[in-house]
Amino acid sequence: MIEYFEQLSQEEQEEITEVIQILYRQTFVLERKFDKRQGRMVPVREYRVLSKHLEFIRAYFKVAGITLRENAHMGVIYIQGEQLWGEKLSRLATIYLLVLKLIYDEQMETVSSSSHIVTTVGALNGKAGEFRVLRGLPSPTEMRRTIALLKKYQIIEPLDVLEELNEETRLVIYPCIHTVLLGDDLRALLETFSKEDTIGDETTIQNTVEDLSE
């Protein structure tokens, strides 16, 4: 493993170090992301680096007890392992994450040729309202903070300026959302949110983003 790394150019070594650090921070790396300037999905350089050196990086993570997985169909490379410690998610972020998965699944049933789905903040809050899991409409500040966090984890990409957040604000849902549990499990979990008056305010992203697809 060390020999493979040492035979690479300095530029390639730096690229590998960069993508490993990104995986530790973000868990996922997408093959394509939405570029607002071009108005379309564009290839992600880090994904190409990961694909090129996949076996070496997989062996690197294996030493730490972490599994590196690739889903070529969805265009996502991600890591799994009990050793990973995720950022704390608020109740709203957890609810949004689960509802986004439901919206993604529902739309993919009718638009199966697309690798990403577009929804709105209004539709997101409306779907959460159907399950009665929101304690009133979140404040604009809370929604912006939550959307920014999910963007950080490459779950969504806002297409409009967050400072002007409203019900019409569009959100691209990336295919890695498909790795978050199963649809029936999500509905059951959302129902528990609506039934319980007191639920812990925080959870880790690894506790929610589990059961990743092969």
N, C-alpha and C. Protein backbone atom coordinates (compact mmCIF):
# COMPACT_ATOMS: atom_id res chain seq x y z
N MET A 1 0.83 -1.20 0.00
CA MET A 1 0.00 0.00 0.00
C MET A 1 0.87 1.26 0.00
N ILE A 2 1.89 1.28 0.85
CA ILE A 2 2.79 2.43 0.90
C ILE A 2 3.56 2.57 -0.41
N GLU A 3 3.94 1.44 -0.98
CA GLU A 3 4.69 1.45 -2.23
C GLU A 3 3.86 2.08 -3.34
N TYR A 4 2.58 1.75 -3.40
CA TYR A 4 1.70 2.32 -4.42
C TYR A 4 1.66 3.84 -4.30
N PHE A 5 1.51 4.33 -3.07
CA PHE A 5 1.41 5.76 -2.83
C PHE A 5 2.71 6.47 -3.21
N GLU A 6 3.84 5.89 -2.84
CA GLU A 6 5.13 6.53 -3.09
C GLU A 6 5.48 6.58 -4.57
N GLN A 7 4.90 5.70 -5.37
CA GLN A 7 5.18 5.70 -6.80
C GLN A 7 4.38 6.77 -7.55
N LEU A 8 3.43 7.38 -6.90
CA LEU A 8 2.62 8.42 -7.52
C LEU A 8 3.36 9.75 -7.53
N SER A 9 2.94 10.63 -8.42
CA SER A 9 3.52 11.97 -8.46
C SER A 9 3.06 12.74 -7.22
N GLN A 10 3.74 13.82 -6.92
CA GLN A 10 3.36 14.64 -5.76
C GLN A 10 1.94 15.17 -5.92
N GLU A 11 1.59 15.54 -7.15
CA GLU A 11 0.24 16.06 -7.40
C GLU A 11 -0.82 15.00 -7.09
N GLU A 12 -0.58 13.76 -7.52
CA GLU A 12 -1.53 12.69 -7.26
C GLU A 12 -1.60 12.37 -5.78
N GLN A 13 -0.47 12.40 -5.09
CA GLN A 13 -0.47 12.16 -3.64
C GLN A 13 -1.32 13.21 -2.93
N GLU A 14 -1.18 14.46 -3.35
CA GLU A 14 -1.95 15.54 -2.73
C GLU A 14 -3.44 15.39 -3.03
N GLU A 15 -3.77 14.92 -4.22
CA GLU A 15 -5.17 14.69 -4.57
C GLU A 15 -5.78 13.60 -3.69
N ILE A 16 -5.03 12.52 -3.48
CA ILE A 16 -5.52 11.43 -2.64
C ILE A 16 -5.73 11.90 -1.20
N THR A 17 -4.76 12.65 -0.68
CA THR A 17 -4.89 13.18 0.68
C THR A 17 -6.13 14.06 0.79
N GLU A 18 -6.37 14.87 -0.24
CA GLU A 18 -7.52 15.77 -0.24
C GLU A 18 -8.84 15.00 -0.21
N VAL A 19 -8.97 13.97 -1.05
CA VAL A 19 -10.26 13.25 -1.12
C VAL A 19 -10.49 12.42 0.15
N ILE A 20 -9.43 11.92 0.76
CA ILE A 20 -9.58 11.19 2.02
C ILE A 20 -10.11 12.13 3.10
N GLN A 21 -9.57 13.34 3.16
CA GLN A 21 -10.03 14.32 4.13
C GLN A 21 -11.48 14.71 3.88
N ILE A 22 -11.85 14.82 2.60
CA ILE A 22 -13.24 15.16 2.25
C ILE A 22 -14.19 14.06 2.70
N LEU A 23 -13.81 12.80 2.50
CA LEU A 23 -14.66 11.69 2.93
C LEU A 23 -14.84 11.68 4.44
N TYR A 24 -13.78 11.98 5.18
CA TYR A 24 -13.90 12.04 6.64
C TYR A 24 -14.88 13.15 7.06
N ARG A 25 -14.84 14.27 6.34
CA ARG A 25 -15.69 15.41 6.70
C ARG A 25 -17.13 15.22 6.24
N GLN A 26 -17.32 14.67 5.03
CA GLN A 26 -18.63 14.69 4.40
C GLN A 26 -19.29 13.33 4.23
N THR A 27 -18.55 12.24 4.40
CA THR A 27 -19.08 10.88 4.25
C THR A 27 -19.30 10.50 2.79
N PHE A 28 -19.90 11.38 1.99
CA PHE A 28 -20.21 11.08 0.60
C PHE A 28 -19.37 11.92 -0.36
N VAL A 29 -19.10 11.37 -1.54
CA VAL A 29 -18.60 12.15 -2.67
C VAL A 29 -19.45 11.77 -3.87
N LEU A 30 -20.03 12.76 -4.51
CA LEU A 30 -20.92 12.54 -5.64
C LEU A 30 -20.17 12.59 -6.96
N GLU A 31 -20.66 11.81 -7.93
CA GLU A 31 -20.07 11.82 -9.25
C GLU A 31 -20.39 13.12 -9.99
N ARG A 32 -21.58 13.63 -9.78
CA ARG A 32 -22.01 14.88 -10.43
C ARG A 32 -22.74 15.76 -9.42
N LYS A 33 -22.53 17.06 -9.54
CA LYS A 33 -23.24 18.03 -8.72
C LYS A 33 -23.80 19.12 -9.62
N PHE A 34 -24.82 19.81 -9.14
CA PHE A 34 -25.46 20.85 -9.93
C PHE A 34 -24.62 22.13 -9.89
N ASP A 35 -24.32 22.66 -11.07
CA ASP A 35 -23.58 23.91 -11.20
C ASP A 35 -24.56 25.01 -11.57
N LYS A 36 -24.73 25.99 -10.66
CA LYS A 36 -25.71 27.04 -10.89
C LYS A 36 -25.38 27.89 -12.12
N ARG A 37 -24.09 28.15 -12.35
CA ARG A 37 -23.71 28.98 -13.48
C ARG A 37 -24.03 28.32 -14.81
N GLN A 38 -23.79 27.01 -14.89
CA GLN A 38 -24.06 26.29 -16.12
C GLN A 38 -25.50 25.77 -16.20
N GLY A 39 -26.15 25.74 -15.04
CA GLY A 39 -27.53 25.29 -15.02
C GLY A 39 -27.71 23.81 -15.31
N ARG A 40 -26.71 23.01 -14.95
CA ARG A 40 -26.80 21.57 -15.21
C ARG A 40 -25.88 20.81 -14.26
N MET A 41 -26.01 19.49 -14.27
CA MET A 41 -25.14 18.64 -13.47
C MET A 41 -23.78 18.52 -14.16
N VAL A 42 -22.71 18.66 -13.40
CA VAL A 42 -21.36 18.58 -13.96
C VAL A 42 -20.53 17.57 -13.18
N PRO A 43 -19.54 16.95 -13.82
CA PRO A 43 -18.69 15.96 -13.13
C PRO A 43 -17.92 16.58 -11.97
N VAL A 44 -17.68 15.79 -10.94
CA VAL A 44 -16.95 16.23 -9.75
C VAL A 44 -15.53 15.65 -9.81
N ARG A 45 -14.54 16.52 -9.71
CA ARG A 45 -13.15 16.09 -9.83
C ARG A 45 -12.77 15.07 -8.75
N GLU A 46 -13.23 15.30 -7.52
CA GLU A 46 -12.87 14.41 -6.42
C GLU A 46 -13.37 12.99 -6.65
N TYR A 47 -14.52 12.86 -7.31
CA TYR A 47 -15.04 11.53 -7.60
C TYR A 47 -14.12 10.79 -8.58
N ARG A 48 -13.62 11.51 -9.57
CA ARG A 48 -12.70 10.90 -10.54
C ARG A 48 -11.42 10.43 -9.84
N VAL A 49 -10.92 11.24 -8.91
CA VAL A 49 -9.71 10.85 -8.16
C VAL A 49 -9.98 9.58 -7.36
N LEU A 50 -11.13 9.54 -6.69
CA LEU A 50 -11.49 8.36 -5.91
C LEU A 50 -11.60 7.12 -6.79
N SER A 51 -12.24 7.26 -7.94
CA SER A 51 -12.41 6.13 -8.84
C SER A 51 -11.07 5.61 -9.34
N LYS A 52 -10.16 6.51 -9.63
CA LYS A 52 -8.85 6.14 -10.16
C LYS A 52 -8.02 5.37 -9.13
N HIS A 53 -8.12 5.77 -7.87
CA HIS A 53 -7.30 5.15 -6.82
C HIS A 53 -8.18 4.40 -5.81
N LEU A 54 -9.30 3.88 -6.28
CA LEU A 54 -10.30 3.31 -5.38
C LEU A 54 -9.76 2.19 -4.49
N GLU A 55 -9.05 1.25 -5.06
CA GLU A 55 -8.58 0.11 -4.28
C GLU A 55 -7.56 0.51 -3.22
N PHE A 56 -6.69 1.47 -3.57
CA PHE A 56 -5.72 1.95 -2.58
C PHE A 56 -6.44 2.66 -1.43
N ILE A 57 -7.38 3.53 -1.76
CA ILE A 57 -8.09 4.28 -0.72
C ILE A 57 -8.97 3.35 0.10
N ARG A 58 -9.53 2.33 -0.53
CA ARG A 58 -10.33 1.35 0.20
C ARG A 58 -9.45 0.61 1.23
N ALA A 59 -8.24 0.25 0.81
CA ALA A 59 -7.31 -0.44 1.71
C ALA A 59 -6.89 0.49 2.85
N TYR A 60 -6.72 1.76 2.55
CA TYR A 60 -6.35 2.75 3.58
C TYR A 60 -7.42 2.81 4.67
N PHE A 61 -8.69 2.93 4.26
CA PHE A 61 -9.77 3.02 5.23
C PHE A 61 -9.96 1.71 5.99
N LYS A 62 -9.69 0.59 5.32
CA LYS A 62 -9.87 -0.71 5.95
C LYS A 62 -8.99 -0.85 7.19
N VAL A 63 -7.79 -0.28 7.15
CA VAL A 63 -6.88 -0.32 8.30
C VAL A 63 -7.53 0.33 9.52
N ALA A 64 -8.34 1.35 9.27
CA ALA A 64 -9.01 2.06 10.38
C ALA A 64 -10.37 1.46 10.70
N GLY A 65 -10.71 0.33 10.07
CA GLY A 65 -12.00 -0.31 10.34
C GLY A 65 -13.16 0.37 9.67
N ILE A 66 -12.88 1.12 8.60
CA ILE A 66 -13.91 1.86 7.87
C ILE A 66 -14.05 1.26 6.48
N THR A 67 -15.28 1.09 6.04
CA THR A 67 -15.55 0.50 4.73
C THR A 67 -15.82 1.58 3.71
N LEU A 68 -15.13 1.52 2.58
CA LEU A 68 -15.37 2.44 1.47
C LEU A 68 -16.24 1.72 0.45
N ARG A 69 -17.38 2.31 0.12
CA ARG A 69 -18.31 1.70 -0.82
C ARG A 69 -18.54 2.60 -2.02
N GLU A 70 -18.84 1.95 -3.14
CA GLU A 70 -19.16 2.69 -4.37
C GLU A 70 -20.48 2.18 -4.92
N ASN A 71 -21.37 3.11 -5.25
CA ASN A 71 -22.60 2.77 -5.95
C ASN A 71 -22.55 3.48 -7.30
N ALA A 72 -22.10 2.77 -8.32
CA ALA A 72 -21.91 3.37 -9.63
C ALA A 72 -23.24 3.80 -10.25
N HIS A 73 -24.29 3.06 -9.94
CA HIS A 73 -25.61 3.39 -10.51
C HIS A 73 -26.08 4.76 -10.04
N MET A 74 -25.91 5.04 -8.74
CA MET A 74 -26.31 6.33 -8.20
C MET A 74 -25.24 7.39 -8.37
N GLY A 75 -24.01 6.96 -8.65
CA GLY A 75 -22.92 7.93 -8.77
C GLY A 75 -22.51 8.50 -7.44
N VAL A 76 -22.22 7.61 -6.47
CA VAL A 76 -21.81 8.07 -5.15
C VAL A 76 -20.80 7.09 -4.56
N ILE A 77 -19.77 7.63 -3.93
CA ILE A 77 -18.80 6.86 -3.16
C ILE A 77 -18.89 7.36 -1.73
N TYR A 78 -18.96 6.42 -0.76
CA TYR A 78 -19.17 6.82 0.62
C TYR A 78 -18.46 5.87 1.57
N ILE A 79 -18.35 6.29 2.81
CA ILE A 79 -17.69 5.48 3.82
C ILE A 79 -18.69 5.11 4.92
N GLN A 80 -18.44 3.94 5.53
CA GLN A 80 -19.25 3.41 6.63
C GLN A 80 -18.33 2.87 7.71
N GLY A 81 -18.78 2.96 8.96
CA GLY A 81 -17.99 2.37 10.02
C GLY A 81 -18.37 2.91 11.38
N GLU A 82 -18.28 2.06 12.40
CA GLU A 82 -18.61 2.48 13.76
C GLU A 82 -17.63 3.53 14.28
N GLN A 83 -16.47 3.61 13.64
CA GLN A 83 -15.45 4.54 14.11
C GLN A 83 -15.74 5.98 13.68
N LEU A 84 -16.74 6.16 12.80
CA LEU A 84 -17.04 7.50 12.31
C LEU A 84 -17.93 8.23 13.32
N TRP A 85 -17.58 9.48 13.56
CA TRP A 85 -18.38 10.31 14.46
C TRP A 85 -18.93 11.47 13.66
N GLY A 86 -20.24 11.48 13.49
CA GLY A 86 -20.86 12.51 12.68
C GLY A 86 -21.23 13.75 13.48
N GLU A 87 -21.52 14.78 12.74
CA GLU A 87 -21.97 16.03 13.35
C GLU A 87 -23.37 15.83 13.92
N LYS A 88 -23.66 16.52 15.03
CA LYS A 88 -24.97 16.41 15.63
C LYS A 88 -26.02 17.05 14.73
N LEU A 89 -27.16 16.38 14.59
CA LEU A 89 -28.26 16.91 13.81
C LEU A 89 -29.38 17.35 14.74
N SER A 90 -29.94 18.52 14.47
CA SER A 90 -31.09 18.98 15.23
C SER A 90 -32.32 18.16 14.86
N ARG A 91 -33.37 18.32 15.60
CA ARG A 91 -34.63 17.63 15.29
C ARG A 91 -35.10 18.00 13.89
N LEU A 92 -35.03 19.30 13.55
CA LEU A 92 -35.50 19.74 12.24
C LEU A 92 -34.66 19.13 11.12
N ALA A 93 -33.33 19.08 11.30
CA ALA A 93 -32.47 18.50 10.27
C ALA A 93 -32.78 17.02 10.07
N THR A 94 -33.05 16.32 11.16
CA THR A 94 -33.39 14.90 11.06
C THR A 94 -34.71 14.72 10.32
N ILE A 95 -35.70 15.54 10.65
CA ILE A 95 -37.00 15.47 9.97
C ILE A 95 -36.85 15.79 8.49
N TYR A 96 -36.12 16.87 8.18
CA TYR A 96 -35.92 17.24 6.78
C TYR A 96 -35.23 16.11 6.00
N LEU A 97 -34.24 15.50 6.63
CA LEU A 97 -33.50 14.42 5.98
C LEU A 97 -34.44 13.27 5.61
N LEU A 98 -35.31 12.89 6.53
CA LEU A 98 -36.23 11.79 6.29
C LEU A 98 -37.29 12.16 5.25
N VAL A 99 -37.79 13.38 5.33
CA VAL A 99 -38.82 13.82 4.38
C VAL A 99 -38.24 13.96 2.97
N LEU A 100 -37.03 14.45 2.87
CA LEU A 100 -36.37 14.56 1.57
C LEU A 100 -36.25 13.19 0.90
N LYS A 101 -35.97 12.17 1.71
CA LYS A 101 -35.88 10.81 1.17
C LYS A 101 -37.22 10.35 0.61
N LEU A 102 -38.30 10.66 1.32
CA LEU A 102 -39.63 10.30 0.84
C LEU A 102 -39.96 11.01 -0.47
N ILE A 103 -39.66 12.31 -0.53
CA ILE A 103 -39.91 13.08 -1.75
C ILE A 103 -39.11 12.51 -2.91
N TYR A 104 -37.85 12.18 -2.64
CA TYR A 104 -36.99 11.62 -3.69
C TYR A 104 -37.58 10.31 -4.22
N ASP A 105 -37.96 9.42 -3.32
CA ASP A 105 -38.51 8.13 -3.73
C ASP A 105 -39.78 8.30 -4.54
N GLU A 106 -40.66 9.18 -4.09
CA GLU A 106 -41.94 9.38 -4.78
C GLU A 106 -41.74 9.93 -6.19
N GLN A 107 -40.83 10.89 -6.34
CA GLN A 107 -40.61 11.48 -7.66
C GLN A 107 -39.84 10.54 -8.59
N MET A 108 -38.93 9.73 -8.01
CA MET A 108 -38.17 8.81 -8.85
C MET A 108 -39.06 7.73 -9.45
N GLU A 109 -40.20 7.47 -8.84
CA GLU A 109 -41.13 6.48 -9.38
C GLU A 109 -41.70 6.93 -10.72
N THR A 110 -41.75 8.26 -10.93
CA THR A 110 -42.32 8.79 -12.17
C THR A 110 -41.26 9.37 -13.09
N VAL A 111 -40.06 9.66 -12.55
CA VAL A 111 -38.98 10.23 -13.36
C VAL A 111 -37.75 9.36 -13.19
N SER A 112 -37.85 8.12 -13.58
CA SER A 112 -36.80 7.15 -13.31
C SER A 112 -35.51 7.41 -14.09
N SER A 113 -35.59 8.23 -15.15
CA SER A 113 -34.40 8.49 -15.96
C SER A 113 -33.50 9.57 -15.36
N SER A 114 -33.97 10.25 -14.32
CA SER A 114 -33.21 11.34 -13.72
C SER A 114 -32.36 10.83 -12.56
N SER A 115 -31.19 11.44 -12.39
CA SER A 115 -30.31 11.05 -11.29
C SER A 115 -30.48 11.98 -10.09
N HIS A 116 -31.27 13.04 -10.27
CA HIS A 116 -31.52 13.95 -9.16
C HIS A 116 -32.96 14.46 -9.27
N ILE A 117 -33.45 14.98 -8.17
CA ILE A 117 -34.82 15.44 -8.08
C ILE A 117 -34.82 16.88 -7.59
N VAL A 118 -35.76 17.68 -8.07
CA VAL A 118 -35.90 19.06 -7.62
C VAL A 118 -37.22 19.21 -6.86
N THR A 119 -37.14 19.79 -5.67
CA THR A 119 -38.34 20.08 -4.88
C THR A 119 -38.25 21.52 -4.38
N THR A 120 -39.17 21.92 -3.53
CA THR A 120 -39.16 23.27 -2.98
C THR A 120 -39.24 23.21 -1.46
N VAL A 121 -38.89 24.31 -0.82
CA VAL A 121 -38.99 24.39 0.63
C VAL A 121 -40.45 24.24 1.06
N GLY A 122 -41.36 24.80 0.26
CA GLY A 122 -42.77 24.68 0.57
C GLY A 122 -43.23 23.23 0.55
N ALA A 123 -42.78 22.48 -0.47
CA ALA A 123 -43.15 21.07 -0.57
C ALA A 123 -42.54 20.27 0.58
N LEU A 124 -41.32 20.64 0.97
CA LEU A 124 -40.64 19.95 2.07
C LEU A 124 -41.40 20.14 3.38
N ASN A 125 -41.76 21.40 3.69
CA ASN A 125 -42.52 21.66 4.92
C ASN A 125 -43.92 21.07 4.84
N GLY A 126 -44.50 21.07 3.63
CA GLY A 126 -45.83 20.51 3.45
C GLY A 126 -45.85 19.02 3.71
N LYS A 127 -44.83 18.31 3.20
CA LYS A 127 -44.74 16.87 3.43
C LYS A 127 -44.54 16.57 4.92
N ALA A 128 -43.70 17.38 5.58
CA ALA A 128 -43.50 17.20 7.02
C ALA A 128 -44.80 17.46 7.76
N GLY A 129 -45.60 18.42 7.27
CA GLY A 129 -46.89 18.72 7.88
C GLY A 129 -47.86 17.57 7.76
N GLU A 130 -47.78 16.83 6.67
CA GLU A 130 -48.66 15.67 6.48
C GLU A 130 -48.44 14.63 7.58
N PHE A 131 -47.20 14.54 8.06
CA PHE A 131 -46.88 13.58 9.12
C PHE A 131 -46.99 14.21 10.51
N ARG A 132 -47.32 15.49 10.55
CA ARG A 132 -47.50 16.21 11.83
C ARG A 132 -46.27 16.09 12.72
N VAL A 133 -45.12 16.31 12.13
CA VAL A 133 -43.87 16.18 12.89
C VAL A 133 -43.23 17.54 13.18
N LEU A 134 -43.80 18.61 12.65
CA LEU A 134 -43.25 19.94 12.91
C LEU A 134 -44.08 20.64 13.98
N ARG A 135 -43.39 21.25 14.92
CA ARG A 135 -44.06 22.01 15.98
C ARG A 135 -44.25 23.45 15.48
N GLY A 136 -45.07 23.61 14.47
CA GLY A 136 -45.24 24.91 13.84
C GLY A 136 -44.21 25.11 12.75
N LEU A 137 -44.41 26.10 11.89
CA LEU A 137 -43.47 26.36 10.80
C LEU A 137 -42.14 26.88 11.36
N PRO A 138 -41.02 26.26 11.00
CA PRO A 138 -39.71 26.73 11.50
C PRO A 138 -39.45 28.17 11.07
N SER A 139 -38.63 28.86 11.83
CA SER A 139 -38.27 30.23 11.47
C SER A 139 -37.36 30.20 10.25
N PRO A 140 -37.33 31.29 9.46
CA PRO A 140 -36.44 31.36 8.30
C PRO A 140 -34.98 31.09 8.67
N THR A 141 -34.55 31.59 9.81
CA THR A 141 -33.17 31.38 10.25
C THR A 141 -32.90 29.91 10.50
N GLU A 142 -33.82 29.22 11.16
CA GLU A 142 -33.66 27.80 11.45
C GLU A 142 -33.66 26.98 10.16
N MET A 143 -34.54 27.35 9.23
CA MET A 143 -34.59 26.63 7.95
C MET A 143 -33.31 26.83 7.16
N ARG A 144 -32.81 28.07 7.12
CA ARG A 144 -31.56 28.35 6.40
C ARG A 144 -30.40 27.56 7.00
N ARG A 145 -30.31 27.54 8.33
CA ARG A 145 -29.24 26.81 9.00
C ARG A 145 -29.32 25.31 8.69
N THR A 146 -30.52 24.78 8.68
CA THR A 146 -30.71 23.35 8.42
C THR A 146 -30.39 23.00 6.98
N ILE A 147 -30.85 23.82 6.05
CA ILE A 147 -30.58 23.57 4.63
C ILE A 147 -29.08 23.67 4.35
N ALA A 148 -28.41 24.62 5.00
CA ALA A 148 -26.96 24.76 4.82
C ALA A 148 -26.23 23.52 5.32
N LEU A 149 -26.70 22.93 6.42
CA LEU A 149 -26.08 21.71 6.96
C LEU A 149 -26.26 20.54 6.00
N LEU A 150 -27.45 20.37 5.46
CA LEU A 150 -27.70 19.27 4.53
C LEU A 150 -26.96 19.47 3.21
N LYS A 151 -26.74 20.73 2.84
CA LYS A 151 -25.92 21.03 1.67
C LYS A 151 -24.47 20.61 1.93
N LYS A 152 -23.99 20.85 3.14
CA LYS A 152 -22.63 20.48 3.51
C LYS A 152 -22.41 18.98 3.33
N TYR A 153 -23.42 18.18 3.67
CA TYR A 153 -23.31 16.73 3.53
C TYR A 153 -23.71 16.24 2.14
N GLN A 154 -23.87 17.17 1.20
CA GLN A 154 -24.16 16.85 -0.20
C GLN A 154 -25.48 16.11 -0.37
N ILE A 155 -26.40 16.34 0.55
CA ILE A 155 -27.74 15.76 0.43
C ILE A 155 -28.58 16.59 -0.53
N ILE A 156 -28.44 17.90 -0.45
CA ILE A 156 -29.21 18.82 -1.30
C ILE A 156 -28.32 19.94 -1.83
N GLU A 157 -28.84 20.65 -2.81
CA GLU A 157 -28.18 21.84 -3.34
C GLU A 157 -29.25 22.90 -3.58
N PRO A 158 -29.26 24.00 -2.81
CA PRO A 158 -30.23 25.07 -3.04
C PRO A 158 -29.96 25.73 -4.41
N LEU A 159 -31.01 25.93 -5.19
CA LEU A 159 -30.85 26.58 -6.50
C LEU A 159 -31.07 28.08 -6.42
N ASP A 160 -31.61 28.53 -5.30
CA ASP A 160 -31.89 29.96 -5.12
C ASP A 160 -31.13 30.48 -3.90
N VAL A 161 -31.05 31.79 -3.79
CA VAL A 161 -30.29 32.42 -2.71
C VAL A 161 -30.98 32.16 -1.37
N LEU A 162 -30.22 31.59 -0.41
CA LEU A 162 -30.81 31.24 0.88
C LEU A 162 -31.25 32.46 1.68
N GLU A 163 -30.58 33.59 1.45
CA GLU A 163 -30.96 34.81 2.16
C GLU A 163 -32.37 35.26 1.79
N GLU A 164 -32.85 34.81 0.63
CA GLU A 164 -34.20 35.15 0.18
C GLU A 164 -35.12 33.93 0.30
N LEU A 165 -34.85 33.08 1.26
CA LEU A 165 -35.59 31.83 1.44
C LEU A 165 -37.09 32.05 1.55
N ASN A 166 -37.85 31.28 0.78
CA ASN A 166 -39.30 31.28 0.87
C ASN A 166 -39.83 29.93 0.40
N GLU A 167 -41.13 29.78 0.31
CA GLU A 167 -41.72 28.50 -0.06
C GLU A 167 -41.34 28.06 -1.47
N GLU A 168 -40.99 29.02 -2.32
CA GLU A 168 -40.65 28.69 -3.71
C GLU A 168 -39.17 28.37 -3.91
N THR A 169 -38.37 28.50 -2.85
CA THR A 169 -36.94 28.19 -2.97
C THR A 169 -36.76 26.74 -3.40
N ARG A 170 -36.01 26.54 -4.49
CA ARG A 170 -35.84 25.20 -5.06
C ARG A 170 -34.63 24.49 -4.46
N LEU A 171 -34.77 23.18 -4.31
CA LEU A 171 -33.71 22.35 -3.76
C LEU A 171 -33.50 21.14 -4.66
N VAL A 172 -32.25 20.92 -5.09
CA VAL A 172 -31.90 19.69 -5.78
C VAL A 172 -31.63 18.63 -4.72
N ILE A 173 -32.28 17.47 -4.84
CA ILE A 173 -32.01 16.35 -3.93
C ILE A 173 -31.07 15.40 -4.66
N TYR A 174 -29.88 15.20 -4.10
CA TYR A 174 -28.88 14.35 -4.75
C TYR A 174 -29.17 12.87 -4.51
N PRO A 175 -28.68 11.99 -5.38
CA PRO A 175 -28.98 10.57 -5.28
C PRO A 175 -28.47 9.89 -4.02
N CYS A 176 -27.51 10.48 -3.31
CA CYS A 176 -27.03 9.84 -2.08
C CYS A 176 -28.13 9.79 -1.02
N ILE A 177 -29.20 10.59 -1.18
CA ILE A 177 -30.33 10.50 -0.26
C ILE A 177 -30.95 9.11 -0.33
N HIS A 178 -30.75 8.43 -1.45
CA HIS A 178 -31.32 7.10 -1.66
C HIS A 178 -30.69 6.07 -0.72
N THR A 179 -29.55 6.41 -0.14
CA THR A 179 -28.88 5.48 0.78
C THR A 179 -29.36 5.63 2.22
N VAL A 180 -30.37 6.49 2.43
CA VAL A 180 -30.87 6.72 3.79
C VAL A 180 -32.09 5.85 4.05
N LEU A 181 -31.88 4.71 4.69
CA LEU A 181 -32.95 3.81 5.08
C LEU A 181 -33.83 3.41 3.89
N LEU A 182 -34.97 2.76 4.19
CA LEU A 182 -35.95 2.36 3.19
C LEU A 182 -37.22 3.17 3.39
N GLY A 183 -37.98 3.32 2.33
CA GLY A 183 -39.18 4.15 2.39
C GLY A 183 -40.12 3.77 3.51
N ASP A 184 -40.44 2.49 3.67
CA ASP A 184 -41.36 2.06 4.73
C ASP A 184 -40.80 2.34 6.11
N ASP A 185 -39.48 2.15 6.27
CA ASP A 185 -38.84 2.44 7.55
C ASP A 185 -38.94 3.93 7.87
N LEU A 186 -38.78 4.77 6.85
CA LEU A 186 -38.84 6.21 7.05
C LEU A 186 -40.22 6.64 7.51
N ARG A 187 -41.25 6.09 6.89
CA ARG A 187 -42.62 6.45 7.27
C ARG A 187 -42.90 6.04 8.72
N ALA A 188 -42.43 4.89 9.09
CA ALA A 188 -42.62 4.43 10.47
C ALA A 188 -41.89 5.35 11.44
N LEU A 189 -40.68 5.75 11.08
CA LEU A 189 -39.90 6.63 11.95
C LEU A 189 -40.56 8.00 12.08
N LEU A 190 -41.06 8.54 10.95
CA LEU A 190 -41.73 9.83 10.99
C LEU A 190 -42.99 9.77 11.85
N GLU A 191 -43.68 8.64 11.80
CA GLU A 191 -44.88 8.49 12.62
C GLU A 191 -44.54 8.53 14.10
N THR A 192 -43.36 8.00 14.47
CA THR A 192 -42.97 8.06 15.88
C THR A 192 -42.69 9.50 16.30
N PHE A 193 -42.18 10.31 15.36
CA PHE A 193 -41.95 11.73 15.66
C PHE A 193 -43.26 12.42 15.98
N SER A 194 -44.31 12.08 15.26
CA SER A 194 -45.59 12.75 15.46
C SER A 194 -46.30 12.28 16.73
N LYS A 195 -45.99 11.05 17.19
CA LYS A 195 -46.67 10.50 18.36
C LYS A 195 -46.00 10.90 19.66
N GLU A 196 -44.70 11.16 19.62
CA GLU A 196 -43.97 11.45 20.85
C GLU A 196 -43.85 12.95 21.04
N ASP A 197 -44.22 13.41 22.22
CA ASP A 197 -44.14 14.84 22.51
C ASP A 197 -42.72 15.26 22.83
N THR A 198 -41.95 14.36 23.41
CA THR A 198 -40.59 14.68 23.80
C THR A 198 -39.63 13.73 23.12
N ILE A 199 -38.84 14.28 22.21
CA ILE A 199 -37.83 13.50 21.50
C ILE A 199 -36.51 14.24 21.66
N GLY A 200 -35.43 13.51 21.81
CA GLY A 200 -34.11 14.15 21.96
C GLY A 200 -33.87 15.15 20.85
N ASP A 201 -33.31 16.30 21.18
CA ASP A 201 -33.09 17.34 20.19
C ASP A 201 -31.99 17.03 19.22
N GLU A 202 -31.11 16.12 19.59
CA GLU A 202 -29.97 15.87 18.72
C GLU A 202 -29.78 14.38 18.48
N THR A 203 -29.23 14.08 17.34
CA THR A 203 -28.83 12.72 17.01
C THR A 203 -27.64 12.83 16.07
N THR A 204 -26.93 11.77 15.86
CA THR A 204 -25.81 11.86 14.94
C THR A 204 -26.22 11.44 13.56
N ILE A 205 -25.54 11.98 12.57
CA ILE A 205 -25.89 11.64 11.20
C ILE A 205 -25.68 10.17 10.93
N GLN A 206 -24.73 9.53 11.61
CA GLN A 206 -24.53 8.10 11.39
C GLN A 206 -25.69 7.29 11.96
N ASN A 207 -26.38 7.80 13.00
CA ASN A 207 -27.52 7.08 13.54
C ASN A 207 -28.71 7.16 12.59
N THR A 208 -28.76 8.20 11.78
CA THR A 208 -29.86 8.37 10.85
C THR A 208 -29.50 7.84 9.47
N VAL A 209 -28.31 8.16 9.00
CA VAL A 209 -27.88 7.68 7.69
C VAL A 209 -27.21 6.33 7.87
N GLU A 210 -28.03 5.28 7.86
CA GLU A 210 -27.51 3.95 8.06
C GLU A 210 -28.17 3.01 7.06
N ASP A 211 -27.89 1.74 7.15
CA ASP A 211 -28.44 0.77 6.21
C ASP A 211 -28.15 1.19 4.78
N LEU A 212 -26.91 1.58 4.49
CA LEU A 212 -26.56 2.08 3.17
C LEU A 212 -26.68 1.01 2.12
N SER A 213 -27.15 1.41 0.96
CA SER A 213 -27.34 0.46 -0.14
C SER A 213 -26.02 0.05 -0.74
N GLU A 214 -25.98 -1.15 -1.26
CA GLU A 214 -24.79 -1.61 -1.95
C GLU A 214 -24.75 -1.00 -3.34
